Amino acid sequence: MNLTIRAGEFVALIGKNGSGKTTLAKHFNGLLKPSNGEVLIDGMNTKDVGTAALARVVGYVFQNPDHQIFSDSVVKELEYGLVNTGLDTIEMQRRIDRVLRFTGLEQYRSEPPLSLGKGVRQMIAVASILVLEPHILVIDEPTTGLDWDGIQQIMSLIGQLHKNGTTIIMITQDMEIVAQYADRVIVMNKGRVAAEGGTKEVLENFPVLAQAGIVPPQILRLSAGLKAFGLRAAFLHAREFIAAIDQALGDT
C-alpha cells in the first residue's frame, strides 16, 4: 500500500475485524516493522528508530485500556511514561497536573486505576499518553464498551486535542462517530486500502463499503434513499438532513 497521513488531520481507519486496521496502525509507532518498503513518521524511518524515540512523536492508546494500565495510582500511571524522558521533576509534575485537569481526572489522582469504571480507565489510558505530548495520537476503538456519556466524554476530549493541533488516527467500527468527527477516511479490506478520501465521499461509496463489510451511517443511508424522491443530496449529519427536509416541505 501507498498511504500518506498529513499533520493535523483527523483520520478514521475503518474496516471489519481482521481487515488490517490495527496491524497497519502498529507500524506507526514501531510496534511492528515493515517487511518491505518504508514507514516514515515525521521524517523518521521506523526501521532505523527505536520505539522509545517514536513514542515521543506517536502516542498509541490500545483498544482495551487494561492492556496498558498497571500502576497502583492514577498519578503513578502518568508518571511512568515520563520517567525516561529526561524531564526534571517540576516539568513532570506540571505536565501531570495539566493533563489531569484536561481529562477531568483530578478527583481520581490517588485512586488505583483498575478499581475504576471502564470510561474512567479509558480516559486514564489516554492521559498516560498525553503527558508525553505526542504530535500524533493513534487511538484504537475509543468508544467500545462505553455508555452514551462515556462516548461523549472521550470523543469530546479527542475532538479538543484535534482542535489544538494533534493529528488523530482513530481505528473504529462506529460509523456515526466517523461521520461526526473525521476529516478523512481510510477503508481497509483484506490488508489493503480499499478506499480513502474525504469522509462524505468515502461513506457514500456504498459498493466499496459493502465489500469491506461496513454499514454506512443511518442518516447517510436514509437521505441517500430519499434522493429518488427529490431530496437534493445525501447528508452525514442529522441537523443538515432535518434542514433539507424542512426546505423540501416548504417548497411543496
C-alpha atoms as a PDB file:
ATOM      1  CA  MET A   1       0.000   0.000   0.000  1.00  0.00           C
ATOM      2  CA  ASN A   2       0.979   3.616  -0.521  1.00  0.00           C
ATOM      3  CA  LEU A   3      -0.525   5.941   2.064  1.00  0.00           C
ATOM      4  CA  THR A   4       0.030   9.457   3.358  1.00  0.00           C
ATOM      5  CA  ILE A   5      -1.450  10.975   6.512  1.00  0.00           C
ATOM      6  CA  ARG A   6      -0.826  14.686   6.844  1.00  0.00           C
ATOM      7  CA  ALA A   7      -0.110  16.658  10.001  1.00  0.00           C
ATOM      8  CA  GLY A   8      -3.241  17.998  11.684  1.00  0.00           C
ATOM      9  CA  GLU A   9      -5.678  15.567  10.056  1.00  0.00           C
ATOM     10  CA  PHE A  10      -8.396  13.603  11.848  1.00  0.00           C
ATOM     11  CA  VAL A  11      -8.331  10.268  10.041  1.00  0.00           C
ATOM     12  CA  ALA A  12     -10.676   7.352  10.660  1.00  0.00           C
ATOM     13  CA  LEU A  13      -9.268   3.921   9.857  1.00  0.00           C
ATOM     14  CA  ILE A  14     -12.248   1.638   9.245  1.00  0.00           C
ATOM     15  CA  GLY A  15     -12.913  -1.966   8.224  1.00  0.00           C
ATOM     16  CA  LYS A  16     -14.300  -5.164   9.662  1.00  0.00           C
ATOM     17  CA  ASN A  17     -12.388  -7.294  12.176  1.00  0.00           C
ATOM     18  CA  GLY A  18      -9.295  -8.808  10.587  1.00  0.00           C
ATOM     19  CA  SER A  19      -9.107  -6.243   7.783  1.00  0.00           C
ATOM     20  CA  GLY A  20      -5.674  -4.993   8.877  1.00  0.00           C
ATOM     21  CA  LYS A  21      -6.530  -1.753  10.710  1.00  0.00           C
ATOM     22  CA  THR A  22      -4.626  -2.447  13.914  1.00  0.00           C
ATOM     23  CA  THR A  23      -1.768  -4.169  12.104  1.00  0.00           C
ATOM     24  CA  LEU A  24      -1.301  -1.066   9.956  1.00  0.00           C
ATOM     25  CA  ALA A  25      -1.542   1.286  12.934  1.00  0.00           C
ATOM     26  CA  LYS A  26       1.114  -0.636  14.874  1.00  0.00           C
ATOM     27  CA  HIS A  27       3.591   0.296  12.142  1.00  0.00           C
ATOM     28  CA  PHE A  28       3.118   3.969  13.025  1.00  0.00           C
ATOM     29  CA  ASN A  29       4.887   3.725  16.397  1.00  0.00           C
ATOM     30  CA  GLY A  30       7.279   0.896  15.628  1.00  0.00           C
ATOM     31  CA  LEU A  31       5.425  -1.900  17.416  1.00  0.00           C
ATOM     32  CA  LEU A  32       5.635  -3.582  14.011  1.00  0.00           C
ATOM     33  CA  LYS A  33       8.300  -3.009  11.356  1.00  0.00           C
ATOM     34  CA  PRO A  34       7.614  -3.284   7.600  1.00  0.00           C
ATOM     35  CA  SER A  35       8.981  -6.409   5.924  1.00  0.00           C
ATOM     36  CA  ASN A  36       9.114  -4.463   2.662  1.00  0.00           C
ATOM     37  CA  GLY A  37       9.087  -0.749   1.875  1.00  0.00           C
ATOM     38  CA  GLU A  38       9.285   2.059   4.384  1.00  0.00           C
ATOM     39  CA  VAL A  39       7.186   3.765   7.025  1.00  0.00           C
ATOM     40  CA  LEU A  40       8.192   7.382   7.575  1.00  0.00           C
ATOM     41  CA  ILE A  41       6.940   9.212  10.655  1.00  0.00           C
ATOM     42  CA  ASP A  42       7.801  12.900  10.906  1.00  0.00           C
ATOM     43  CA  GLY A  43      10.746  12.246   8.605  1.00  0.00           C
ATOM     44  CA  MET A  44      11.995   9.244  10.611  1.00  0.00           C
ATOM     45  CA  ASN A  45      12.276   5.792   9.062  1.00  0.00           C
ATOM     46  CA  THR A  46      10.769   3.412  11.619  1.00  0.00           C
ATOM     47  CA  LYS A  47      13.286   0.731  10.640  1.00  0.00           C
ATOM     48  CA  ASP A  48      16.078   2.964  11.937  1.00  0.00           C
ATOM     49  CA  VAL A  49      14.383   4.402  15.046  1.00  0.00           C
ATOM     50  CA  GLY A  50      13.514   2.674  18.314  1.00  0.00           C
ATOM     51  CA  THR A  51      10.043   2.631  19.824  1.00  0.00           C
ATOM     52  CA  ALA A  52      11.131   4.953  22.654  1.00  0.00           C
ATOM     53  CA  ALA A  53      12.044   7.718  20.188  1.00  0.00           C
ATOM     54  CA  LEU A  54       8.869   7.142  18.170  1.00  0.00           C
ATOM     55  CA  ALA A  55       6.771   7.297  21.353  1.00  0.00           C
ATOM     56  CA  ARG A  56       7.739  10.948  21.737  1.00  0.00           C
ATOM     57  CA  VAL A  57       6.021  11.649  18.415  1.00  0.00           C
ATOM     58  CA  VAL A  58       3.311   8.976  18.226  1.00  0.00           C
ATOM     59  CA  GLY A  59       1.087   8.097  21.173  1.00  0.00           C
ATOM     60  CA  TYR A  60      -0.825   4.807  20.928  1.00  0.00           C
ATOM     61  CA  VAL A  61      -3.910   4.038  23.022  1.00  0.00           C
ATOM     62  CA  PHE A  62      -4.933   0.387  22.865  1.00  0.00           C
ATOM     63  CA  GLN A  63      -8.500  -0.816  22.434  1.00  0.00           C
ATOM     64  CA  ASN A  64      -8.513  -2.339  25.916  1.00  0.00           C
ATOM     65  CA  PRO A  65      -7.211   0.218  28.431  1.00  0.00           C
ATOM     66  CA  ASP A  66      -6.334  -2.588  30.844  1.00  0.00           C
ATOM     67  CA  HIS A  67      -3.581  -3.664  28.448  1.00  0.00           C
ATOM     68  CA  GLN A  68      -1.615  -0.515  29.320  1.00  0.00           C
ATOM     69  CA  ILE A  69      -2.684   0.266  32.886  1.00  0.00           C
ATOM     70  CA  PHE A  70      -0.700  -1.351  35.702  1.00  0.00           C
ATOM     71  CA  SER A  71       0.325   1.252  38.326  1.00  0.00           C
ATOM     72  CA  ASP A  72      -1.257   1.499  41.775  1.00  0.00           C
ATOM     73  CA  SER A  73      -2.488   5.091  41.364  1.00  0.00           C
ATOM     74  CA  VAL A  74      -3.539   7.364  38.529  1.00  0.00           C
ATOM     75  CA  VAL A  75      -0.675   9.772  39.238  1.00  0.00           C
ATOM     76  CA  LYS A  76       1.892   6.978  39.088  1.00  0.00           C
ATOM     77  CA  GLU A  77       0.340   5.773  35.849  1.00  0.00           C
ATOM     78  CA  LEU A  78       1.025   9.180  34.305  1.00  0.00           C
ATOM     79  CA  GLU A  79       4.475   9.396  35.882  1.00  0.00           C
ATOM     80  CA  TYR A  80       5.598   6.084  34.410  1.00  0.00           C
ATOM     81  CA  GLY A  81       5.825   7.268  30.818  1.00  0.00           C
ATOM     82  CA  LEU A  82       7.736  10.398  31.840  1.00  0.00           C
ATOM     83  CA  VAL A  83      10.471   8.700  33.872  1.00  0.00           C
ATOM     84  CA  ASN A  84      12.792   8.037  30.936  1.00  0.00           C
ATOM     85  CA  THR A  85      12.212  11.315  29.100  1.00  0.00           C
ATOM     86  CA  GLY A  86      14.932  13.248  30.924  1.00  0.00           C
ATOM     87  CA  LEU A  87      12.477  15.869  32.190  1.00  0.00           C
ATOM     88  CA  ASP A  88      13.059  17.405  35.603  1.00  0.00           C
ATOM     89  CA  THR A  89      10.621  16.802  38.466  1.00  0.00           C
ATOM     90  CA  ILE A  90       8.991  20.230  38.181  1.00  0.00           C
ATOM     91  CA  GLU A  91       8.216  19.793  34.456  1.00  0.00           C
ATOM     92  CA  MET A  92       6.928  16.267  35.034  1.00  0.00           C
ATOM     93  CA  GLN A  93       4.563  17.494  37.740  1.00  0.00           C
ATOM     94  CA  ARG A  94       3.400  20.387  35.554  1.00  0.00           C
ATOM     95  CA  ARG A  95       2.501  18.013  32.757  1.00  0.00           C
ATOM     96  CA  ILE A  96       0.721  15.593  35.083  1.00  0.00           C
ATOM     97  CA  ASP A  97      -1.356  18.336  36.720  1.00  0.00           C
ATOM     98  CA  ARG A  98      -2.249  19.841  33.341  1.00  0.00           C
ATOM     99  CA  VAL A  99      -3.322  16.506  31.845  1.00  0.00           C
ATOM    100  CA  LEU A 100      -5.343  15.559  34.937  1.00  0.00           C
ATOM    101  CA  ARG A 101      -7.249  18.845  34.617  1.00  0.00           C
ATOM    102  CA  PHE A 102      -7.670  18.482  30.864  1.00  0.00           C
ATOM    103  CA  THR A 103      -9.060  14.940  31.137  1.00  0.00           C
ATOM    104  CA  GLY A 104     -11.178  15.592  34.239  1.00  0.00           C
ATOM    105  CA  LEU A 105      -9.253  13.021  36.276  1.00  0.00           C
ATOM    106  CA  GLU A 106      -8.121  15.208  39.176  1.00  0.00           C
ATOM    107  CA  GLN A 107     -10.553  13.591  41.601  1.00  0.00           C
ATOM    108  CA  TYR A 108      -9.057  10.163  40.851  1.00  0.00           C
ATOM    109  CA  ARG A 109      -5.373  11.060  41.119  1.00  0.00           C
ATOM    110  CA  SER A 110      -4.736   8.801  44.142  1.00  0.00           C
ATOM    111  CA  GLU A 111      -7.132   6.015  43.128  1.00  0.00           C
ATOM    112  CA  PRO A 112      -5.988   2.591  41.824  1.00  0.00           C
ATOM    113  CA  PRO A 113      -6.833   2.747  38.091  1.00  0.00           C
ATOM    114  CA  LEU A 114      -8.073  -0.838  37.808  1.00  0.00           C
ATOM    115  CA  SER A 115     -10.691  -0.215  40.508  1.00  0.00           C
ATOM    116  CA  LEU A 116     -12.415   2.439  38.369  1.00  0.00           C
ATOM    117  CA  GLY A 117     -15.110   2.157  35.677  1.00  0.00           C
ATOM    118  CA  LYS A 118     -14.399   1.422  32.013  1.00  0.00           C
ATOM    119  CA  GLY A 119     -14.935   5.001  30.875  1.00  0.00           C
ATOM    120  CA  VAL A 120     -12.542   6.358  33.506  1.00  0.00           C
ATOM    121  CA  ARG A 121      -9.950   3.673  32.731  1.00  0.00           C
ATOM    122  CA  GLN A 122     -10.156   4.602  29.048  1.00  0.00           C
ATOM    123  CA  MET A 123      -9.559   8.244  29.953  1.00  0.00           C
ATOM    124  CA  ILE A 124      -6.581   7.238  32.133  1.00  0.00           C
ATOM    125  CA  ALA A 125      -5.077   5.321  29.216  1.00  0.00           C
ATOM    126  CA  VAL A 126      -5.414   8.434  27.044  1.00  0.00           C
ATOM    127  CA  ALA A 127      -4.000  10.661  29.809  1.00  0.00           C
ATOM    128  CA  SER A 128      -0.951   8.399  30.216  1.00  0.00           C
ATOM    129  CA  ILE A 129      -0.129   9.093  26.566  1.00  0.00           C
ATOM    130  CA  LEU A 130      -0.978  12.797  26.601  1.00  0.00           C
ATOM    131  CA  VAL A 131       1.637  13.563  29.279  1.00  0.00           C
ATOM    132  CA  LEU A 132       4.245  12.654  26.661  1.00  0.00           C
ATOM    133  CA  GLU A 133       2.804  15.420  24.436  1.00  0.00           C
ATOM    134  CA  PRO A 134       2.865  13.410  21.178  1.00  0.00           C
ATOM    135  CA  HIS A 135       2.217  15.140  17.859  1.00  0.00           C
ATOM    136  CA  ILE A 136       0.206  12.133  16.652  1.00  0.00           C
ATOM    137  CA  LEU A 137      -2.389  10.172  18.625  1.00  0.00           C
ATOM    138  CA  VAL A 138      -3.410   6.713  17.430  1.00  0.00           C
ATOM    139  CA  ILE A 139      -6.459   5.521  19.327  1.00  0.00           C
ATOM    140  CA  ASP A 140      -7.936   2.055  18.809  1.00  0.00           C
ATOM    141  CA  GLU A 141     -11.739   1.696  19.188  1.00  0.00           C
ATOM    142  CA  PRO A 142     -12.064   4.501  21.784  1.00  0.00           C
ATOM    143  CA  THR A 143     -15.840   4.085  22.257  1.00  0.00           C
ATOM    144  CA  THR A 144     -16.081   0.288  22.607  1.00  0.00           C
ATOM    145  CA  GLY A 145     -17.906  -0.746  25.776  1.00  0.00           C
ATOM    146  CA  LEU A 146     -18.761   2.818  26.819  1.00  0.00           C
ATOM    147  CA  ASP A 147     -22.221   4.172  27.585  1.00  0.00           C
ATOM    148  CA  TRP A 148     -23.536   7.313  25.885  1.00  0.00           C
ATOM    149  CA  ASP A 149     -22.000   9.681  28.449  1.00  0.00           C
ATOM    150  CA  GLY A 150     -18.658   7.903  28.236  1.00  0.00           C
ATOM    151  CA  ILE A 151     -18.667   8.116  24.444  1.00  0.00           C
ATOM    152  CA  GLN A 152     -19.399  11.845  24.551  1.00  0.00           C
ATOM    153  CA  GLN A 153     -16.623  12.463  27.099  1.00  0.00           C
ATOM    154  CA  ILE A 154     -13.906  10.558  25.263  1.00  0.00           C
ATOM    155  CA  MET A 155     -14.849  11.951  21.837  1.00  0.00           C
ATOM    156  CA  SER A 156     -15.082  15.490  23.192  1.00  0.00           C
ATOM    157  CA  LEU A 157     -11.538  15.088  24.525  1.00  0.00           C
ATOM    158  CA  ILE A 158     -10.248  13.676  21.230  1.00  0.00           C
ATOM    159  CA  GLY A 159     -12.015  16.449  19.324  1.00  0.00           C
ATOM    160  CA  GLN A 160     -10.384  19.079  21.524  1.00  0.00           C
ATOM    161  CA  LEU A 161      -6.955  17.528  21.008  1.00  0.00           C
ATOM    162  CA  HIS A 162      -7.513  17.742  17.261  1.00  0.00           C
ATOM    163  CA  LYS A 163      -8.541  21.402  17.508  1.00  0.00           C
ATOM    164  CA  ASN A 164      -5.323  22.026  19.449  1.00  0.00           C
ATOM    165  CA  GLY A 165      -3.262  20.623  16.558  1.00  0.00           C
ATOM    166  CA  THR A 166      -2.788  16.938  17.358  1.00  0.00           C
ATOM    167  CA  THR A 167      -3.004  14.576  14.397  1.00  0.00           C
ATOM    168  CA  ILE A 168      -5.651  11.962  15.208  1.00  0.00           C
ATOM    169  CA  ILE A 169      -5.710   8.450  13.718  1.00  0.00           C
ATOM    170  CA  MET A 170      -8.793   6.690  15.061  1.00  0.00           C
ATOM    171  CA  ILE A 171      -9.467   2.991  14.473  1.00  0.00           C
ATOM    172  CA  THR A 172     -13.192   2.387  14.786  1.00  0.00           C
ATOM    173  CA  GLN A 173     -16.230   0.491  13.545  1.00  0.00           C
ATOM    174  CA  ASP A 174     -18.636   3.177  14.771  1.00  0.00           C
ATOM    175  CA  MET A 175     -19.700   4.920  11.580  1.00  0.00           C
ATOM    176  CA  GLU A 176     -21.781   7.525  13.414  1.00  0.00           C
ATOM    177  CA  ILE A 177     -18.623   8.670  15.230  1.00  0.00           C
ATOM    178  CA  VAL A 178     -16.701   8.657  11.943  1.00  0.00           C
ATOM    179  CA  ALA A 179     -19.345  10.839  10.303  1.00  0.00           C
ATOM    180  CA  GLN A 180     -19.318  13.290  13.200  1.00  0.00           C
ATOM    181  CA  TYR A 181     -15.582  13.724  13.753  1.00  0.00           C
ATOM    182  CA  ALA A 182     -13.328  12.505  10.927  1.00  0.00           C
ATOM    183  CA  ASP A 183     -11.955  14.726   8.151  1.00  0.00           C
ATOM    184  CA  ARG A 184     -10.740  11.780   6.092  1.00  0.00           C
ATOM    185  CA  VAL A 185     -11.484   8.061   5.983  1.00  0.00           C
ATOM    186  CA  ILE A 186      -9.294   5.105   5.044  1.00  0.00           C
ATOM    187  CA  VAL A 187     -11.123   1.834   4.345  1.00  0.00           C
ATOM    188  CA  MET A 188      -9.173  -1.370   4.975  1.00  0.00           C
ATOM    189  CA  ASN A 189     -10.140  -4.682   3.385  1.00  0.00           C
ATOM    190  CA  LYS A 190      -8.028  -7.857   3.454  1.00  0.00           C
ATOM    191  CA  GLY A 191      -4.876  -5.963   4.392  1.00  0.00           C
ATOM    192  CA  ARG A 192      -5.185  -3.386   1.638  1.00  0.00           C
ATOM    193  CA  VAL A 193      -6.517   0.162   1.324  1.00  0.00           C
ATOM    194  CA  ALA A 194      -9.868  -0.264  -0.423  1.00  0.00           C
ATOM    195  CA  ALA A 195     -10.690   3.449  -0.477  1.00  0.00           C
ATOM    196  CA  GLU A 196      -9.533   6.739   1.003  1.00  0.00           C
ATOM    197  CA  GLY A 197     -10.687  10.323   0.818  1.00  0.00           C
ATOM    198  CA  GLY A 198     -12.974  12.867   2.413  1.00  0.00           C
ATOM    199  CA  THR A 199     -15.421  11.444   4.936  1.00  0.00           C
ATOM    200  CA  LYS A 200     -18.605  12.038   2.937  1.00  0.00           C
ATOM    201  CA  GLU A 201     -17.006  10.928  -0.330  1.00  0.00           C
ATOM    202  CA  VAL A 202     -15.906   7.602   1.144  1.00  0.00           C
ATOM    203  CA  LEU A 203     -19.016   6.881   3.207  1.00  0.00           C
ATOM    204  CA  GLU A 204     -21.209   7.498   0.142  1.00  0.00           C
ATOM    205  CA  ASN A 205     -19.338   4.781  -1.737  1.00  0.00           C
ATOM    206  CA  PHE A 206     -21.812   2.093  -0.721  1.00  0.00           C
ATOM    207  CA  PRO A 207     -20.464  -0.686  -3.015  1.00  0.00           C
ATOM    208  CA  VAL A 208     -16.905  -0.405  -1.638  1.00  0.00           C
ATOM    209  CA  LEU A 209     -18.188  -0.279   1.933  1.00  0.00           C
ATOM    210  CA  ALA A 210     -20.352  -3.337   1.331  1.00  0.00           C
ATOM    211  CA  GLN A 211     -17.355  -5.273   0.005  1.00  0.00           C
ATOM    212  CA  ALA A 212     -15.427  -4.255   3.134  1.00  0.00           C
ATOM    213  CA  GLY A 213     -18.282  -5.340   5.420  1.00  0.00           C
ATOM    214  CA  ILE A 214     -19.100  -1.804   6.569  1.00  0.00           C
ATOM    215  CA  VAL A 215     -22.599  -0.400   7.063  1.00  0.00           C
ATOM    216  CA  PRO A 216     -22.792   3.383   6.332  1.00  0.00           C
ATOM    217  CA  PRO A 217     -24.297   5.759   8.949  1.00  0.00           C
ATOM    218  CA  GLN A 218     -28.090   5.709   9.244  1.00  0.00           C
ATOM    219  CA  ILE A 219     -28.608   9.358   8.293  1.00  0.00           C
ATOM    220  CA  LEU A 220     -26.500   8.919   5.165  1.00  0.00           C
ATOM    221  CA  ARG A 221     -28.403   5.788   4.088  1.00  0.00           C
ATOM    222  CA  LEU A 222     -31.780   7.399   4.739  1.00  0.00           C
ATOM    223  CA  SER A 223     -31.009  10.664   2.952  1.00  0.00           C
ATOM    224  CA  ALA A 224     -29.387   8.827   0.021  1.00  0.00           C
ATOM    225  CA  GLY A 225     -32.567   6.781  -0.351  1.00  0.00           C
ATOM    226  CA  LEU A 226     -34.699   9.909  -0.348  1.00  0.00           C
ATOM    227  CA  LYS A 227     -32.775  11.456  -3.254  1.00  0.00           C
ATOM    228  CA  ALA A 228     -35.038   9.415  -5.532  1.00  0.00           C
ATOM    229  CA  PHE A 229     -37.965  11.366  -4.055  1.00  0.00           C
ATOM    230  CA  GLY A 230     -36.446  14.793  -4.616  1.00  0.00           C
ATOM    231  CA  LEU A 231     -34.090  15.316  -1.676  1.00  0.00           C
ATOM    232  CA  ARG A 232     -31.230  17.370  -3.114  1.00  0.00           C
ATOM    233  CA  ALA A 233     -28.327  15.446  -1.514  1.00  0.00           C
ATOM    234  CA  ALA A 234     -27.263  12.814   0.984  1.00  0.00           C
ATOM    235  CA  PHE A 235     -26.175  14.059   4.397  1.00  0.00           C
ATOM    236  CA  LEU A 236     -23.821  12.926   7.153  1.00  0.00           C
ATOM    237  CA  HIS A 237     -25.346  14.929   9.985  1.00  0.00           C
ATOM    238  CA  ALA A 238     -28.883  14.952  11.350  1.00  0.00           C
ATOM    239  CA  ARG A 239     -29.107  18.755  11.561  1.00  0.00           C
ATOM    240  CA  GLU A 240     -28.292  19.116   7.847  1.00  0.00           C
ATOM    241  CA  PHE A 241     -30.774  16.375   6.956  1.00  0.00           C
ATOM    242  CA  ILE A 242     -33.564  17.962   9.011  1.00  0.00           C
ATOM    243  CA  ALA A 243     -32.886  21.379   7.465  1.00  0.00           C
ATOM    244  CA  ALA A 244     -33.085  19.858   3.963  1.00  0.00           C
ATOM    245  CA  ILE A 245     -36.353  18.110   4.793  1.00  0.00           C
ATOM    246  CA  ASP A 246     -37.795  21.379   6.148  1.00  0.00           C
ATOM    247  CA  GLN A 247     -36.737  23.188   2.985  1.00  0.00           C
ATOM    248  CA  ALA A 248     -38.213  20.462   0.767  1.00  0.00           C
ATOM    249  CA  LEU A 249     -41.518  20.594   2.637  1.00  0.00           C
ATOM    250  CA  GLY A 250     -41.556  24.369   2.427  1.00  0.00           C
ATOM    251  CA  ASP A 251     -41.066  24.211  -1.334  1.00  0.00           C
ATOM    252  CA  THR A 252     -44.069  21.925  -1.858  1.00  0.00           C
END
